[in-house]
Amino acid sequence: MDEPFSALDVRTRESMRREIVSLWEQQRKTVVFVTHDIDEAIFLADRIIVLSHKPTVVEETIRVGVSRPRDMDHNLEVQALRKRLYQIMRDDGATADVKAKL
């Protein structure tokens, strides 16, 4: 899915994120979810693939080892992952494009 929640308001976006996780937990199907939102990628993904600027290459692949449900505000692992993703994008010139793979 390519940024399916980008035009939604905050409440609806959060609801849809929870719904995607719920569906994934029931079906266990692979979902490739493209987003520019780091928190969205962390919330949804088991693996995050950070892409570079053009020509596009995989900048880094990060495994998200945080159990669900994920506390986005208080979990120290989530905070460290968020910091790492911002660092990759800032230091390596990566785009904000991340692929969240459930």
C-alpha atoms as a PDB file:
ATOM      1  CA  MET A   1       0.000   0.000   0.000  1.00  0.00           C
ATOM      2  CA  ASP A   2       1.393   3.391  -0.913  1.00  0.00           C
ATOM      3  CA  GLU A   3       0.575   5.995   1.751  1.00  0.00           C
ATOM      4  CA  PRO A   4      -3.070   4.966   2.145  1.00  0.00           C
ATOM      5  CA  PHE A   5      -3.583   7.071   5.287  1.00  0.00           C
ATOM      6  CA  SER A   6      -1.846  10.300   4.218  1.00  0.00           C
ATOM      7  CA  ALA A   7      -5.069  12.249   3.563  1.00  0.00           C
ATOM      8  CA  LEU A   8      -6.861  11.129   6.738  1.00  0.00           C
ATOM      9  CA  ASP A   9      -7.390  13.147   9.903  1.00  0.00           C
ATOM     10  CA  VAL A  10      -5.406  12.095  12.990  1.00  0.00           C
ATOM     11  CA  ARG A  11      -8.213  10.168  14.692  1.00  0.00           C
ATOM     12  CA  THR A  12      -9.152   8.209  11.575  1.00  0.00           C
ATOM     13  CA  ARG A  13      -5.491   7.545  10.743  1.00  0.00           C
ATOM     14  CA  GLU A  14      -4.869   6.070  14.221  1.00  0.00           C
ATOM     15  CA  SER A  15      -8.012   3.958  13.955  1.00  0.00           C
ATOM     16  CA  MET A  16      -6.947   2.634  10.551  1.00  0.00           C
ATOM     17  CA  ARG A  17      -3.465   1.796  11.860  1.00  0.00           C
ATOM     18  CA  ARG A  18      -4.994  -0.265  14.659  1.00  0.00           C
ATOM     19  CA  GLU A  19      -7.316  -1.937  12.139  1.00  0.00           C
ATOM     20  CA  ILE A  20      -4.387  -2.893   9.864  1.00  0.00           C
ATOM     21  CA  VAL A  21      -2.553  -4.459  12.819  1.00  0.00           C
ATOM     22  CA  SER A  22      -5.718  -6.321  13.866  1.00  0.00           C
ATOM     23  CA  LEU A  23      -6.244  -7.676  10.352  1.00  0.00           C
ATOM     24  CA  TRP A  24      -2.610  -8.687  10.143  1.00  0.00           C
ATOM     25  CA  GLU A  25      -2.815 -10.507  13.484  1.00  0.00           C
ATOM     26  CA  GLN A  26      -5.823 -12.465  12.183  1.00  0.00           C
ATOM     27  CA  GLN A  27      -4.585 -13.196   8.648  1.00  0.00           C
ATOM     28  CA  ARG A  28      -0.773 -13.140   8.973  1.00  0.00           C
ATOM     29  CA  LYS A  29      -0.425 -11.954   5.371  1.00  0.00           C
ATOM     30  CA  THR A  30       2.587  -9.921   4.300  1.00  0.00           C
ATOM     31  CA  VAL A  31       1.806  -6.234   3.804  1.00  0.00           C
ATOM     32  CA  VAL A  32       4.224  -3.741   2.270  1.00  0.00           C
ATOM     33  CA  PHE A  33       3.198  -0.314   3.492  1.00  0.00           C
ATOM     34  CA  VAL A  34       4.907   2.809   2.117  1.00  0.00           C
ATOM     35  CA  THR A  35       4.858   5.843   4.382  1.00  0.00           C
ATOM     36  CA  HIS A  36       6.741   9.061   5.083  1.00  0.00           C
ATOM     37  CA  ASP A  37       5.665   8.907   8.720  1.00  0.00           C
ATOM     38  CA  ILE A  38       8.297   7.382  11.002  1.00  0.00           C
ATOM     39  CA  ASP A  39       5.833   6.742  13.843  1.00  0.00           C
ATOM     40  CA  GLU A  40       3.466   5.029  11.432  1.00  0.00           C
ATOM     41  CA  ALA A  41       6.277   2.759  10.261  1.00  0.00           C
ATOM     42  CA  ILE A  42       7.265   1.908  13.841  1.00  0.00           C
ATOM     43  CA  PHE A  43       3.666   1.248  14.863  1.00  0.00           C
ATOM     44  CA  LEU A  44       2.947  -1.039  11.909  1.00  0.00           C
ATOM     45  CA  ALA A  45       6.183  -2.729  10.940  1.00  0.00           C
ATOM     46  CA  ASP A  46       8.128  -5.811  11.838  1.00  0.00           C
ATOM     47  CA  ARG A  47      10.805  -4.568   9.442  1.00  0.00           C
ATOM     48  CA  ILE A  48      11.493  -1.022   8.241  1.00  0.00           C
ATOM     49  CA  ILE A  49      13.335  -0.428   4.987  1.00  0.00           C
ATOM     50  CA  VAL A  50      14.745   3.101   4.627  1.00  0.00           C
ATOM     51  CA  LEU A  51      15.296   4.271   1.058  1.00  0.00           C
ATOM     52  CA  SER A  52      17.889   6.760  -0.194  1.00  0.00           C
ATOM     53  CA  HIS A  53      17.417   9.729  -2.487  1.00  0.00           C
ATOM     54  CA  LYS A  54      17.446   9.018  -6.213  1.00  0.00           C
ATOM     55  CA  PRO A  55      18.832   6.828  -7.505  1.00  0.00           C
ATOM     56  CA  THR A  56      16.888   4.919  -4.905  1.00  0.00           C
ATOM     57  CA  VAL A  57      18.713   2.209  -3.022  1.00  0.00           C
ATOM     58  CA  VAL A  58      18.047   0.532   0.302  1.00  0.00           C
ATOM     59  CA  GLU A  59      19.778   2.726   2.852  1.00  0.00           C
ATOM     60  CA  GLU A  60      19.135   0.433   5.798  1.00  0.00           C
ATOM     61  CA  THR A  61      16.823  -2.343   6.936  1.00  0.00           C
ATOM     62  CA  ILE A  62      15.823  -2.346  10.596  1.00  0.00           C
ATOM     63  CA  ARG A  63      14.019  -5.111  12.428  1.00  0.00           C
ATOM     64  CA  VAL A  64      11.392  -3.817  14.868  1.00  0.00           C
ATOM     65  CA  GLY A  65      11.592  -6.117  17.874  1.00  0.00           C
ATOM     66  CA  VAL A  66       9.057  -4.279  20.012  1.00  0.00           C
ATOM     67  CA  SER A  67       6.048  -6.398  20.998  1.00  0.00           C
ATOM     68  CA  ARG A  68       2.511  -5.296  20.205  1.00  0.00           C
ATOM     69  CA  PRO A  69       0.583  -3.320  21.221  1.00  0.00           C
ATOM     70  CA  ARG A  70       3.293  -0.675  20.937  1.00  0.00           C
ATOM     71  CA  ASP A  71       3.361   2.230  23.354  1.00  0.00           C
ATOM     72  CA  MET A  72       4.606   4.978  21.063  1.00  0.00           C
ATOM     73  CA  ASP A  73       5.111   7.548  23.829  1.00  0.00           C
ATOM     74  CA  HIS A  74       6.656   5.678  26.756  1.00  0.00           C
ATOM     75  CA  ASN A  75       8.480   2.635  25.402  1.00  0.00           C
ATOM     76  CA  LEU A  76      12.244   3.204  25.483  1.00  0.00           C
ATOM     77  CA  GLU A  77      12.838   0.813  22.558  1.00  0.00           C
ATOM     78  CA  VAL A  78      10.359   2.775  20.431  1.00  0.00           C
ATOM     79  CA  GLN A  79      12.033   6.050  21.371  1.00  0.00           C
ATOM     80  CA  ALA A  80      15.472   4.653  20.480  1.00  0.00           C
ATOM     81  CA  LEU A  81      14.173   3.337  17.159  1.00  0.00           C
ATOM     82  CA  ARG A  82      12.561   6.694  16.353  1.00  0.00           C
ATOM     83  CA  LYS A  83      15.848   8.454  17.130  1.00  0.00           C
ATOM     84  CA  ARG A  84      17.792   5.968  14.969  1.00  0.00           C
ATOM     85  CA  LEU A  85      15.465   6.439  11.984  1.00  0.00           C
ATOM     86  CA  TYR A  86      15.707  10.233  12.192  1.00  0.00           C
ATOM     87  CA  GLN A  87      19.487   9.907  12.444  1.00  0.00           C
ATOM     88  CA  ILE A  88      19.670   7.687   9.341  1.00  0.00           C
ATOM     89  CA  MET A  89      17.599  10.139   7.327  1.00  0.00           C
ATOM     90  CA  ARG A  90      19.488  13.180   8.548  1.00  0.00           C
ATOM     91  CA  ASP A  91      23.035  11.786   8.325  1.00  0.00           C
ATOM     92  CA  ASP A  92      22.800   9.549   5.284  1.00  0.00           C
ATOM     93  CA  GLY A  93      20.640  11.789   3.130  1.00  0.00           C
ATOM     94  CA  ALA A  94      17.854   9.249   3.000  1.00  0.00           C
ATOM     95  CA  THR A  95      14.407  10.344   2.025  1.00  0.00           C
ATOM     96  CA  ALA A  96      11.490  10.226   4.394  1.00  0.00           C
ATOM     97  CA  ASP A  97      10.286   7.206   2.424  1.00  0.00           C
ATOM     98  CA  VAL A  98      10.171   4.166   4.599  1.00  0.00           C
ATOM     99  CA  LYS A  99       8.607   0.844   3.792  1.00  0.00           C
ATOM    100  CA  ALA A 100       6.933  -0.726   6.746  1.00  0.00           C
ATOM    101  CA  LYS A 101       6.734  -4.441   6.234  1.00  0.00           C
ATOM    102  CA  LEU A 102       4.342  -6.393   8.431  1.00  0.00           C
END
